[in-house]
């Protein structure tokens, strides 16, 4: 078996999942919709199976992974090993070019890259559905990063998770004008991880059951806006969905607060930008972190980036196009 190296990119949900009905299999309480980003943000992962290894070795950004991080990767690797009929340990080196665990979907690109590289290294040729399921075992949102463009993660209903996977709504070229202008306000690892936050919310928030009930309707509306390239509807749904998620987090106990004062200034700035132009041409969304993702079009991306850069506390801005999904790299680009 030869080593394999793959590149994958994050995705940012415009209809978000937050809460699991099965924590081990990462089965969501509701479906979600996302946009895969281009290679401005990326994870590169090299995998090699080696029968001499007694256990899996995972190195992230130059450091030995924690036991928890290795256990998450092992879930993906075990499913691939079972499918391939192999028992060898794996050597995995992975590197991001952006902050990890800061609400910029590093786990999505990381586990998508792992699923692709490990499957290839194991000699498999899985379908995109199978890759999506493999990636989901490491991180729920990673199942969407297996695809480029605009993606839906289907909730599914089976206990084994065989019908919970991502599908592409539209390819990257369908709406190539879309941009994600990222404003990094805090690159540090968040204090409450997403898995813990989801558990608290689903257990304690009185608003949470309503959110789950409404999700299918919101997903239908978002898919229609994407397919018809209805910008105003897409942006309004994106902002309201983000605000709803963080309201439900705040309704949890103890309250979960990922946004900071700078995040709120960004929200005000985006709303003011739209008001000044008398049209909805930018829309914010926040994952489980204070860093903003402002969707807009190529026409407005420069202005939006300058607007965000002028806010005190915004440390960096990055503009992403819609990405095409994972791709295999040559042997010269392997990390070991």
C-alpha atoms as a PDB file:
ATOM      1  CA  UNK A   1       0.000   0.000   0.000  1.00  0.00           C
ATOM      2  CA  UNK A   2       1.325   3.407  -0.970  1.00  0.00           C
ATOM      3  CA  UNK A   3       0.904   6.717   0.799  1.00  0.00           C
ATOM      4  CA  UNK A   4      -1.702   9.138  -0.535  1.00  0.00           C
ATOM      5  CA  UNK A   5      -1.993  12.916  -0.177  1.00  0.00           C
ATOM      6  CA  UNK A   6      -5.202  14.894  -0.618  1.00  0.00           C
ATOM      7  CA  UNK A   7      -6.256  18.509  -0.294  1.00  0.00           C
ATOM      8  CA  UNK A   8      -9.700  19.489   1.013  1.00  0.00           C
ATOM      9  CA  UNK A   9     -11.297  22.817   1.867  1.00  0.00           C
ATOM     10  CA  UNK A  10     -13.763  23.913   4.566  1.00  0.00           C
ATOM     11  CA  UNK A  11     -17.427  24.543   4.035  1.00  0.00           C
ATOM     12  CA  UNK A  12     -19.548  27.111   5.832  1.00  0.00           C
ATOM     13  CA  UNK A  13     -23.179  26.256   6.469  1.00  0.00           C
ATOM     14  CA  UNK A  14     -25.914  28.693   5.557  1.00  0.00           C
ATOM     15  CA  UNK A  15     -28.476  26.383   7.191  1.00  0.00           C
ATOM     16  CA  UNK A  16     -26.686  24.917  10.175  1.00  0.00           C
ATOM     17  CA  UNK A  17     -26.829  21.680  12.111  1.00  0.00           C
ATOM     18  CA  UNK A  18     -26.450  21.918  15.868  1.00  0.00           C
ATOM     19  CA  UNK A  19     -27.335  18.811  17.824  1.00  0.00           C
ATOM     20  CA  UNK A  20     -26.974  15.073  17.350  1.00  0.00           C
ATOM     21  CA  UNK A  21     -29.276  12.113  17.780  1.00  0.00           C
ATOM     22  CA  UNK A  22     -26.231   9.797  17.805  1.00  0.00           C
ATOM     23  CA  UNK A  23     -22.916  11.229  19.011  1.00  0.00           C
ATOM     24  CA  UNK A  24     -20.730   8.293  17.984  1.00  0.00           C
ATOM     25  CA  UNK A  25     -21.976   8.172  14.390  1.00  0.00           C
ATOM     26  CA  UNK A  26     -22.427  11.971  14.229  1.00  0.00           C
ATOM     27  CA  UNK A  27     -26.045  11.729  13.095  1.00  0.00           C
ATOM     28  CA  UNK A  28     -27.708  15.166  13.153  1.00  0.00           C
ATOM     29  CA  UNK A  29     -31.083  16.166  14.548  1.00  0.00           C
ATOM     30  CA  UNK A  30     -31.645  18.232  11.395  1.00  0.00           C
ATOM     31  CA  UNK A  31     -30.216  18.527   7.915  1.00  0.00           C
ATOM     32  CA  UNK A  32     -28.100  21.440   6.705  1.00  0.00           C
ATOM     33  CA  UNK A  33     -26.932  23.357   3.634  1.00  0.00           C
ATOM     34  CA  UNK A  34     -23.446  24.728   3.023  1.00  0.00           C
ATOM     35  CA  UNK A  35     -21.088  26.354   0.532  1.00  0.00           C
ATOM     36  CA  UNK A  36     -17.670  24.752   0.004  1.00  0.00           C
ATOM     37  CA  UNK A  37     -14.836  27.278  -0.066  1.00  0.00           C
ATOM     38  CA  UNK A  38     -11.917  27.431  -2.470  1.00  0.00           C
ATOM     39  CA  UNK A  39      -8.269  26.772  -1.703  1.00  0.00           C
ATOM     40  CA  UNK A  40      -7.643  30.098   0.014  1.00  0.00           C
ATOM     41  CA  UNK A  41      -8.307  27.923   3.090  1.00  0.00           C
ATOM     42  CA  UNK A  42      -7.139  24.324   2.863  1.00  0.00           C
ATOM     43  CA  UNK A  43      -6.077  21.183   4.658  1.00  0.00           C
ATOM     44  CA  UNK A  44      -3.454  18.867   3.203  1.00  0.00           C
ATOM     45  CA  UNK A  45      -3.305  15.321   4.579  1.00  0.00           C
ATOM     46  CA  UNK A  46      -0.971  12.420   3.824  1.00  0.00           C
ATOM     47  CA  UNK A  47      -1.901   8.866   4.906  1.00  0.00           C
ATOM     48  CA  UNK A  48       0.084   5.654   4.788  1.00  0.00           C
ATOM     49  CA  UNK A  49      -0.956   2.268   6.186  1.00  0.00           C
ATOM     50  CA  UNK A  50       1.958   0.373   7.732  1.00  0.00           C
ATOM     51  CA  UNK A  51       1.673  -3.109   9.240  1.00  0.00           C
ATOM     52  CA  UNK A  52       4.633  -2.323  11.486  1.00  0.00           C
ATOM     53  CA  UNK A  53       2.605   0.313  13.359  1.00  0.00           C
ATOM     54  CA  UNK A  54       0.938  -1.015  16.501  1.00  0.00           C
ATOM     55  CA  UNK A  55      -1.390   2.021  16.653  1.00  0.00           C
ATOM     56  CA  UNK A  56      -2.312   4.992  14.501  1.00  0.00           C
ATOM     57  CA  UNK A  57       0.053   7.960  14.492  1.00  0.00           C
ATOM     58  CA  UNK A  58      -1.560  11.351  13.877  1.00  0.00           C
ATOM     59  CA  UNK A  59       0.438  14.573  13.548  1.00  0.00           C
ATOM     60  CA  UNK A  60      -1.501  17.857  13.189  1.00  0.00           C
ATOM     61  CA  UNK A  61       0.270  21.043  12.171  1.00  0.00           C
ATOM     62  CA  UNK A  62       3.600  19.630  13.313  1.00  0.00           C
ATOM     63  CA  UNK A  63       2.515  18.319  16.725  1.00  0.00           C
ATOM     64  CA  UNK A  64       1.491  14.893  17.974  1.00  0.00           C
ATOM     65  CA  UNK A  65      -2.302  14.807  18.174  1.00  0.00           C
ATOM     66  CA  UNK A  66      -4.109  14.417  21.473  1.00  0.00           C
ATOM     67  CA  UNK A  67      -5.789  11.159  22.453  1.00  0.00           C
ATOM     68  CA  UNK A  68      -9.201  12.706  21.675  1.00  0.00           C
ATOM     69  CA  UNK A  69      -8.118  13.881  18.217  1.00  0.00           C
ATOM     70  CA  UNK A  70      -6.593  10.490  17.441  1.00  0.00           C
ATOM     71  CA  UNK A  71      -9.761   8.705  18.575  1.00  0.00           C
ATOM     72  CA  UNK A  72     -11.859  10.775  16.165  1.00  0.00           C
ATOM     73  CA  UNK A  73      -9.525   9.935  13.306  1.00  0.00           C
ATOM     74  CA  UNK A  74      -9.575   6.264  14.298  1.00  0.00           C
ATOM     75  CA  UNK A  75     -13.350   6.118  13.738  1.00  0.00           C
ATOM     76  CA  UNK A  76     -12.802   7.131  10.120  1.00  0.00           C
ATOM     77  CA  UNK A  77      -9.807   4.841   9.681  1.00  0.00           C
ATOM     78  CA  UNK A  78     -11.574   1.833  11.236  1.00  0.00           C
ATOM     79  CA  UNK A  79     -14.499   2.173   8.833  1.00  0.00           C
ATOM     80  CA  UNK A  80     -12.088   2.350   5.886  1.00  0.00           C
ATOM     81  CA  UNK A  81     -10.010  -0.571   7.177  1.00  0.00           C
ATOM     82  CA  UNK A  82     -13.166  -2.657   7.562  1.00  0.00           C
ATOM     83  CA  UNK A  83     -14.254  -1.838   4.005  1.00  0.00           C
ATOM     84  CA  UNK A  84     -10.782  -2.600   2.612  1.00  0.00           C
ATOM     85  CA  UNK A  85     -10.209  -5.711   4.731  1.00  0.00           C
ATOM     86  CA  UNK A  86      -6.910  -4.480   6.173  1.00  0.00           C
ATOM     87  CA  UNK A  87      -5.599  -4.298   9.744  1.00  0.00           C
ATOM     88  CA  UNK A  88      -2.512  -2.092   9.465  1.00  0.00           C
ATOM     89  CA  UNK A  89      -1.949   0.998  11.563  1.00  0.00           C
ATOM     90  CA  UNK A  90      -1.966   4.363   9.823  1.00  0.00           C
ATOM     91  CA  UNK A  91       0.547   7.197   9.735  1.00  0.00           C
ATOM     92  CA  UNK A  92      -1.266  10.505   9.182  1.00  0.00           C
ATOM     93  CA  UNK A  93       0.252  13.950   8.814  1.00  0.00           C
ATOM     94  CA  UNK A  94      -2.152  16.847   8.336  1.00  0.00           C
ATOM     95  CA  UNK A  95      -1.665  20.594   8.009  1.00  0.00           C
ATOM     96  CA  UNK A  96      -4.047  23.572   7.841  1.00  0.00           C
ATOM     97  CA  UNK A  97      -3.164  26.999   6.476  1.00  0.00           C
ATOM     98  CA  UNK A  98      -5.764  28.634   8.762  1.00  0.00           C
ATOM     99  CA  UNK A  99      -6.702  28.622  12.502  1.00  0.00           C
ATOM    100  CA  UNK A 100      -7.879  25.332  13.992  1.00  0.00           C
ATOM    101  CA  UNK A 101     -11.009  24.960  16.182  1.00  0.00           C
ATOM    102  CA  UNK A 102     -11.852  28.667  15.871  1.00  0.00           C
ATOM    103  CA  UNK A 103     -15.159  28.457  14.019  1.00  0.00           C
ATOM    104  CA  UNK A 104     -13.693  28.323  10.499  1.00  0.00           C
ATOM    105  CA  UNK A 105     -14.591  24.667   9.900  1.00  0.00           C
ATOM    106  CA  UNK A 106     -11.103  23.186  10.213  1.00  0.00           C
ATOM    107  CA  UNK A 107     -12.595  19.829  11.208  1.00  0.00           C
ATOM    108  CA  UNK A 108     -14.678  19.782   8.017  1.00  0.00           C
ATOM    109  CA  UNK A 109     -11.692  20.105   5.702  1.00  0.00           C
ATOM    110  CA  UNK A 110      -9.520  17.951   7.964  1.00  0.00           C
ATOM    111  CA  UNK A 111     -11.759  14.907   8.042  1.00  0.00           C
ATOM    112  CA  UNK A 112     -12.767  15.256   4.397  1.00  0.00           C
ATOM    113  CA  UNK A 113      -9.061  15.182   3.477  1.00  0.00           C
ATOM    114  CA  UNK A 114      -8.527  12.217   5.816  1.00  0.00           C
ATOM    115  CA  UNK A 115     -11.420  10.232   4.318  1.00  0.00           C
ATOM    116  CA  UNK A 116     -10.148  10.824   0.780  1.00  0.00           C
ATOM    117  CA  UNK A 117      -6.474  10.128   1.514  1.00  0.00           C
ATOM    118  CA  UNK A 118      -7.074   7.083   3.724  1.00  0.00           C
ATOM    119  CA  UNK A 119      -9.528   5.521   1.257  1.00  0.00           C
ATOM    120  CA  UNK A 120      -7.032   5.982  -1.547  1.00  0.00           C
ATOM    121  CA  UNK A 121      -4.124   4.683   0.532  1.00  0.00           C
ATOM    122  CA  UNK A 122      -6.196   1.607   1.425  1.00  0.00           C
ATOM    123  CA  UNK A 123      -6.770   0.850  -2.248  1.00  0.00           C
ATOM    124  CA  UNK A 124     -10.468   1.736  -2.251  1.00  0.00           C
ATOM    125  CA  UNK A 125     -12.403   3.605  -4.930  1.00  0.00           C
ATOM    126  CA  UNK A 126     -15.417   4.716  -2.882  1.00  0.00           C
ATOM    127  CA  UNK A 127     -18.401   6.634  -4.208  1.00  0.00           C
ATOM    128  CA  UNK A 128     -18.916  10.208  -3.071  1.00  0.00           C
ATOM    129  CA  UNK A 129     -21.712   8.938  -0.818  1.00  0.00           C
ATOM    130  CA  UNK A 130     -19.335   6.477   0.861  1.00  0.00           C
ATOM    131  CA  UNK A 131     -16.658   9.160   1.242  1.00  0.00           C
ATOM    132  CA  UNK A 132     -19.245  11.455   2.798  1.00  0.00           C
ATOM    133  CA  UNK A 133     -20.200   8.799   5.349  1.00  0.00           C
ATOM    134  CA  UNK A 134     -16.546   8.064   6.170  1.00  0.00           C
ATOM    135  CA  UNK A 135     -15.857  11.784   6.705  1.00  0.00           C
ATOM    136  CA  UNK A 136     -19.006  12.226   8.819  1.00  0.00           C
ATOM    137  CA  UNK A 137     -17.673   9.747  11.375  1.00  0.00           C
ATOM    138  CA  UNK A 138     -14.862  12.180  12.237  1.00  0.00           C
ATOM    139  CA  UNK A 139     -16.849  15.411  12.036  1.00  0.00           C
ATOM    140  CA  UNK A 140     -20.444  15.877  10.971  1.00  0.00           C
ATOM    141  CA  UNK A 141     -19.778  18.904   8.803  1.00  0.00           C
ATOM    142  CA  UNK A 142     -16.909  17.089   7.047  1.00  0.00           C
ATOM    143  CA  UNK A 143     -19.439  15.026   5.091  1.00  0.00           C
ATOM    144  CA  UNK A 144     -20.282  18.211   3.150  1.00  0.00           C
ATOM    145  CA  UNK A 145     -16.643  19.068   2.282  1.00  0.00           C
ATOM    146  CA  UNK A 146     -16.386  15.900   0.190  1.00  0.00           C
ATOM    147  CA  UNK A 147     -18.307  17.884  -2.439  1.00  0.00           C
ATOM    148  CA  UNK A 148     -17.610  21.207  -4.079  1.00  0.00           C
ATOM    149  CA  UNK A 149     -20.163  23.910  -4.744  1.00  0.00           C
ATOM    150  CA  UNK A 150     -23.434  24.063  -2.822  1.00  0.00           C
ATOM    151  CA  UNK A 151     -24.183  21.047  -0.649  1.00  0.00           C
ATOM    152  CA  UNK A 152     -26.995  19.535   1.415  1.00  0.00           C
ATOM    153  CA  UNK A 153     -26.416  17.104   4.276  1.00  0.00           C
ATOM    154  CA  UNK A 154     -29.425  14.824   4.485  1.00  0.00           C
ATOM    155  CA  UNK A 155     -30.502  14.056   8.033  1.00  0.00           C
ATOM    156  CA  UNK A 156     -31.515  10.480   7.345  1.00  0.00           C
ATOM    157  CA  UNK A 157     -33.548   8.295   9.660  1.00  0.00           C
ATOM    158  CA  UNK A 158     -31.785   4.925   9.876  1.00  0.00           C
ATOM    159  CA  UNK A 159     -30.050   4.071  13.123  1.00  0.00           C
ATOM    160  CA  UNK A 160     -26.896   2.884  11.365  1.00  0.00           C
ATOM    161  CA  UNK A 161     -26.456   6.236   9.584  1.00  0.00           C
ATOM    162  CA  UNK A 162     -26.461   4.701   6.111  1.00  0.00           C
ATOM    163  CA  UNK A 163     -28.888   7.352   4.820  1.00  0.00           C
ATOM    164  CA  UNK A 164     -27.182  10.355   6.462  1.00  0.00           C
ATOM    165  CA  UNK A 165     -24.785  11.789   3.896  1.00  0.00           C
ATOM    166  CA  UNK A 166     -24.210  14.854   1.739  1.00  0.00           C
ATOM    167  CA  UNK A 167     -25.316  15.517  -1.839  1.00  0.00           C
ATOM    168  CA  UNK A 168     -24.441  18.350  -4.170  1.00  0.00           C
ATOM    169  CA  UNK A 169     -27.210  20.899  -4.798  1.00  0.00           C
ATOM    170  CA  UNK A 170     -25.243  22.709  -7.504  1.00  0.00           C
ATOM    171  CA  UNK A 171     -21.588  22.796  -8.646  1.00  0.00           C
ATOM    172  CA  UNK A 172     -19.244  25.712  -8.036  1.00  0.00           C
ATOM    173  CA  UNK A 173     -19.789  27.104 -11.543  1.00  0.00           C
ATOM    174  CA  UNK A 174     -23.546  27.357 -10.956  1.00  0.00           C
ATOM    175  CA  UNK A 175     -23.138  30.616  -9.007  1.00  0.00           C
ATOM    176  CA  UNK A 176     -19.510  31.572  -9.506  1.00  0.00           C
ATOM    177  CA  UNK A 177     -20.061  35.218  -8.448  1.00  0.00           C
ATOM    178  CA  UNK A 178     -20.580  34.254  -4.786  1.00  0.00           C
ATOM    179  CA  UNK A 179     -17.815  35.231  -2.360  1.00  0.00           C
ATOM    180  CA  UNK A 180     -17.249  34.522   1.316  1.00  0.00           C
ATOM    181  CA  UNK A 181     -15.410  37.411   2.974  1.00  0.00           C
ATOM    182  CA  UNK A 182     -14.001  36.087   6.239  1.00  0.00           C
ATOM    183  CA  UNK A 183     -13.204  38.394   9.145  1.00  0.00           C
ATOM    184  CA  UNK A 184     -11.001  36.773  11.777  1.00  0.00           C
ATOM    185  CA  UNK A 185     -11.549  38.394  15.155  1.00  0.00           C
ATOM    186  CA  UNK A 186     -10.041  35.669  17.347  1.00  0.00           C
ATOM    187  CA  UNK A 187      -7.913  32.843  15.927  1.00  0.00           C
ATOM    188  CA  UNK A 188      -7.628  31.035  19.273  1.00  0.00           C
ATOM    189  CA  UNK A 189      -9.184  27.647  20.017  1.00  0.00           C
ATOM    190  CA  UNK A 190     -12.685  28.130  21.421  1.00  0.00           C
ATOM    191  CA  UNK A 191     -13.320  27.318  25.094  1.00  0.00           C
ATOM    192  CA  UNK A 192     -16.423  25.196  24.484  1.00  0.00           C
ATOM    193  CA  UNK A 193     -15.980  22.708  21.655  1.00  0.00           C
ATOM    194  CA  UNK A 194     -18.811  22.190  19.206  1.00  0.00           C
ATOM    195  CA  UNK A 195     -19.620  18.663  20.404  1.00  0.00           C
ATOM    196  CA  UNK A 196     -20.004  19.829  24.011  1.00  0.00           C
ATOM    197  CA  UNK A 197     -21.963  22.901  22.953  1.00  0.00           C
ATOM    198  CA  UNK A 198     -24.401  20.827  20.911  1.00  0.00           C
ATOM    199  CA  UNK A 199     -24.999  18.484  23.825  1.00  0.00           C
ATOM    200  CA  UNK A 200     -25.772  21.364  26.198  1.00  0.00           C
ATOM    201  CA  UNK A 201     -28.109  23.047  23.720  1.00  0.00           C
ATOM    202  CA  UNK A 202     -30.094  19.960  22.747  1.00  0.00           C
ATOM    203  CA  UNK A 203     -30.530  19.056  26.409  1.00  0.00           C
ATOM    204  CA  UNK A 204     -31.392  22.450  27.926  1.00  0.00           C
ATOM    205  CA  UNK A 205     -32.710  24.930  25.332  1.00  0.00           C
ATOM    206  CA  UNK A 206     -36.476  25.350  25.209  1.00  0.00           C
ATOM    207  CA  UNK A 207     -36.137  26.880  21.729  1.00  0.00           C
ATOM    208  CA  UNK A 208     -34.218  23.922  20.323  1.00  0.00           C
ATOM    209  CA  UNK A 209     -37.181  21.624  19.467  1.00  0.00           C
ATOM    210  CA  UNK A 210     -38.742  24.448  17.430  1.00  0.00           C
ATOM    211  CA  UNK A 211     -35.481  24.907  15.539  1.00  0.00           C
ATOM    212  CA  UNK A 212     -35.378  21.223  14.606  1.00  0.00           C
ATOM    213  CA  UNK A 213     -39.034  21.283  13.545  1.00  0.00           C
ATOM    214  CA  UNK A 214     -38.543  24.287  11.241  1.00  0.00           C
ATOM    215  CA  UNK A 215     -35.295  23.072   9.640  1.00  0.00           C
ATOM    216  CA  UNK A 216     -36.820  21.152   6.679  1.00  0.00           C
ATOM    217  CA  UNK A 217     -38.782  24.248   5.590  1.00  0.00           C
ATOM    218  CA  UNK A 218     -35.714  26.496   5.846  1.00  0.00           C
ATOM    219  CA  UNK A 219     -33.659  23.974   3.857  1.00  0.00           C
ATOM    220  CA  UNK A 220     -36.262  23.891   1.064  1.00  0.00           C
ATOM    221  CA  UNK A 221     -36.259  27.697   0.890  1.00  0.00           C
ATOM    222  CA  UNK A 222     -32.453  27.859   0.826  1.00  0.00           C
ATOM    223  CA  UNK A 223     -32.135  25.203  -1.886  1.00  0.00           C
ATOM    224  CA  UNK A 224     -34.639  27.069  -4.034  1.00  0.00           C
ATOM    225  CA  UNK A 225     -32.726  30.343  -3.577  1.00  0.00           C
ATOM    226  CA  UNK A 226     -29.468  28.636  -4.592  1.00  0.00           C
ATOM    227  CA  UNK A 227     -30.925  26.898  -7.625  1.00  0.00           C
ATOM    228  CA  UNK A 228     -32.581  30.099  -8.847  1.00  0.00           C
ATOM    229  CA  UNK A 229     -29.620  32.286  -7.798  1.00  0.00           C
ATOM    230  CA  UNK A 230     -31.916  34.572  -5.793  1.00  0.00           C
ATOM    231  CA  UNK A 231     -29.299  36.642  -3.969  1.00  0.00           C
ATOM    232  CA  UNK A 232     -31.537  38.625  -1.628  1.00  0.00           C
ATOM    233  CA  UNK A 233     -33.373  35.518  -0.416  1.00  0.00           C
ATOM    234  CA  UNK A 234     -30.094  33.627  -0.022  1.00  0.00           C
ATOM    235  CA  UNK A 235     -28.540  36.390   2.077  1.00  0.00           C
ATOM    236  CA  UNK A 236     -31.594  37.074   4.240  1.00  0.00           C
ATOM    237  CA  UNK A 237     -32.021  33.373   5.007  1.00  0.00           C
ATOM    238  CA  UNK A 238     -28.309  33.113   5.801  1.00  0.00           C
ATOM    239  CA  UNK A 239     -28.392  35.980   8.309  1.00  0.00           C
ATOM    240  CA  UNK A 240     -31.622  34.911   9.982  1.00  0.00           C
ATOM    241  CA  UNK A 241     -30.459  31.314  10.222  1.00  0.00           C
ATOM    242  CA  UNK A 242     -27.201  32.383  11.880  1.00  0.00           C
ATOM    243  CA  UNK A 243     -29.006  34.636  14.344  1.00  0.00           C
ATOM    244  CA  UNK A 244     -31.488  31.893  15.154  1.00  0.00           C
ATOM    245  CA  UNK A 245     -28.728  29.411  15.905  1.00  0.00           C
ATOM    246  CA  UNK A 246     -26.960  31.790  18.274  1.00  0.00           C
ATOM    247  CA  UNK A 247     -30.257  32.692  19.963  1.00  0.00           C
ATOM    248  CA  UNK A 248     -30.811  28.999  20.663  1.00  0.00           C
ATOM    249  CA  UNK A 249     -27.267  28.752  22.042  1.00  0.00           C
ATOM    250  CA  UNK A 250     -27.949  31.723  24.310  1.00  0.00           C
ATOM    251  CA  UNK A 251     -31.154  30.015  25.450  1.00  0.00           C
ATOM    252  CA  UNK A 252     -29.091  27.015  26.594  1.00  0.00           C
ATOM    253  CA  UNK A 253     -28.036  26.669  30.202  1.00  0.00           C
ATOM    254  CA  UNK A 254     -25.398  27.520  30.992  1.00  0.00           C
ATOM    255  CA  UNK A 255     -25.616  29.988  28.078  1.00  0.00           C
ATOM    256  CA  UNK A 256     -23.265  29.304  25.174  1.00  0.00           C
ATOM    257  CA  UNK A 257     -21.810  32.517  23.805  1.00  0.00           C
ATOM    258  CA  UNK A 258     -19.431  32.257  20.872  1.00  0.00           C
ATOM    259  CA  UNK A 259     -19.917  35.779  19.518  1.00  0.00           C
ATOM    260  CA  UNK A 260     -17.935  38.712  20.907  1.00  0.00           C
ATOM    261  CA  UNK A 261     -18.311  42.491  20.716  1.00  0.00           C
ATOM    262  CA  UNK A 262     -16.446  42.587  17.407  1.00  0.00           C
ATOM    263  CA  UNK A 263     -18.824  39.991  15.966  1.00  0.00           C
ATOM    264  CA  UNK A 264     -21.752  42.236  16.813  1.00  0.00           C
ATOM    265  CA  UNK A 265     -20.024  45.238  15.242  1.00  0.00           C
ATOM    266  CA  UNK A 266     -19.630  43.200  12.064  1.00  0.00           C
ATOM    267  CA  UNK A 267     -23.343  42.397  12.064  1.00  0.00           C
ATOM    268  CA  UNK A 268     -24.201  46.079  12.440  1.00  0.00           C
ATOM    269  CA  UNK A 269     -21.735  47.034   9.697  1.00  0.00           C
ATOM    270  CA  UNK A 270     -23.230  44.538   7.237  1.00  0.00           C
ATOM    271  CA  UNK A 271     -26.771  45.681   7.973  1.00  0.00           C
ATOM    272  CA  UNK A 272     -25.678  49.300   7.556  1.00  0.00           C
ATOM    273  CA  UNK A 273     -23.945  48.478   4.269  1.00  0.00           C
ATOM    274  CA  UNK A 274     -27.159  46.984   2.896  1.00  0.00           C
ATOM    275  CA  UNK A 275     -29.256  49.904   4.152  1.00  0.00           C
ATOM    276  CA  UNK A 276     -26.951  52.466   2.548  1.00  0.00           C
ATOM    277  CA  UNK A 277     -27.354  50.736  -0.820  1.00  0.00           C
ATOM    278  CA  UNK A 278     -31.072  50.091  -0.381  1.00  0.00           C
ATOM    279  CA  UNK A 279     -30.552  46.446  -1.331  1.00  0.00           C
ATOM    280  CA  UNK A 280     -29.473  43.208   0.311  1.00  0.00           C
ATOM    281  CA  UNK A 281     -26.040  42.571  -1.174  1.00  0.00           C
ATOM    282  CA  UNK A 282     -24.153  41.102   1.824  1.00  0.00           C
ATOM    283  CA  UNK A 283     -25.121  38.657   4.540  1.00  0.00           C
ATOM    284  CA  UNK A 284     -23.256  37.514   7.672  1.00  0.00           C
ATOM    285  CA  UNK A 285     -23.128  34.094   9.230  1.00  0.00           C
ATOM    286  CA  UNK A 286     -21.218  32.772  12.254  1.00  0.00           C
ATOM    287  CA  UNK A 287     -20.442  29.170  13.084  1.00  0.00           C
ATOM    288  CA  UNK A 288     -19.422  28.111  16.587  1.00  0.00           C
ATOM    289  CA  UNK A 289     -16.942  30.962  16.965  1.00  0.00           C
ATOM    290  CA  UNK A 290     -16.636  34.756  16.751  1.00  0.00           C
ATOM    291  CA  UNK A 291     -15.154  34.845  13.251  1.00  0.00           C
ATOM    292  CA  UNK A 292     -17.523  36.179  10.600  1.00  0.00           C
ATOM    293  CA  UNK A 293     -18.298  34.823   7.166  1.00  0.00           C
ATOM    294  CA  UNK A 294     -19.940  37.498   5.038  1.00  0.00           C
ATOM    295  CA  UNK A 295     -21.450  36.203   1.824  1.00  0.00           C
ATOM    296  CA  UNK A 296     -21.668  38.637  -1.049  1.00  0.00           C
ATOM    297  CA  UNK A 297     -20.863  38.758  -4.768  1.00  0.00           C
ATOM    298  CA  UNK A 298     -17.704  39.512  -6.690  1.00  0.00           C
ATOM    299  CA  UNK A 299     -19.074  42.997  -7.418  1.00  0.00           C
ATOM    300  CA  UNK A 300     -19.216  43.936  -3.727  1.00  0.00           C
ATOM    301  CA  UNK A 301     -16.421  41.764  -2.286  1.00  0.00           C
ATOM    302  CA  UNK A 302     -13.785  44.516  -2.330  1.00  0.00           C
ATOM    303  CA  UNK A 303     -16.016  47.016  -0.552  1.00  0.00           C
ATOM    304  CA  UNK A 304     -17.123  44.435   2.010  1.00  0.00           C
ATOM    305  CA  UNK A 305     -13.536  43.467   2.704  1.00  0.00           C
ATOM    306  CA  UNK A 306     -12.556  47.113   3.283  1.00  0.00           C
ATOM    307  CA  UNK A 307     -15.602  47.604   5.505  1.00  0.00           C
ATOM    308  CA  UNK A 308     -14.622  44.648   7.684  1.00  0.00           C
ATOM    309  CA  UNK A 309     -10.928  45.579   7.736  1.00  0.00           C
ATOM    310  CA  UNK A 310     -11.778  49.003   9.187  1.00  0.00           C
ATOM    311  CA  UNK A 311     -13.488  47.481  12.242  1.00  0.00           C
ATOM    312  CA  UNK A 312     -11.164  47.605  15.242  1.00  0.00           C
ATOM    313  CA  UNK A 313     -10.394  44.078  16.373  1.00  0.00           C
ATOM    314  CA  UNK A 314     -10.628  42.434  12.954  1.00  0.00           C
ATOM    315  CA  UNK A 315      -7.173  40.909  12.638  1.00  0.00           C
ATOM    316  CA  UNK A 316      -7.342  39.528   9.125  1.00  0.00           C
ATOM    317  CA  UNK A 317      -9.717  39.293   6.178  1.00  0.00           C
ATOM    318  CA  UNK A 318      -9.763  36.550   3.558  1.00  0.00           C
ATOM    319  CA  UNK A 319     -11.889  36.362   0.421  1.00  0.00           C
ATOM    320  CA  UNK A 320     -12.947  32.898  -0.748  1.00  0.00           C
ATOM    321  CA  UNK A 321     -14.667  31.842  -3.945  1.00  0.00           C
ATOM    322  CA  UNK A 322     -16.911  28.794  -4.183  1.00  0.00           C
ATOM    323  CA  UNK A 323     -14.642  25.744  -4.197  1.00  0.00           C
ATOM    324  CA  UNK A 324     -14.643  22.594  -6.299  1.00  0.00           C
ATOM    325  CA  UNK A 325     -14.009  20.090  -3.511  1.00  0.00           C
ATOM    326  CA  UNK A 326     -11.136  17.731  -2.634  1.00  0.00           C
ATOM    327  CA  UNK A 327      -8.368  16.757  -5.027  1.00  0.00           C
ATOM    328  CA  UNK A 328      -5.445  14.357  -4.972  1.00  0.00           C
ATOM    329  CA  UNK A 329      -1.923  15.787  -4.846  1.00  0.00           C
ATOM    330  CA  UNK A 330       1.252  14.366  -6.307  1.00  0.00           C
ATOM    331  CA  UNK A 331       3.839  12.368  -4.372  1.00  0.00           C
ATOM    332  CA  UNK A 332       6.156  15.385  -4.256  1.00  0.00           C
ATOM    333  CA  UNK A 333       3.583  17.210  -2.100  1.00  0.00           C
ATOM    334  CA  UNK A 334       3.352  14.493   0.565  1.00  0.00           C
ATOM    335  CA  UNK A 335       3.897  15.712   4.123  1.00  0.00           C
ATOM    336  CA  UNK A 336       6.310  12.876   4.954  1.00  0.00           C
END
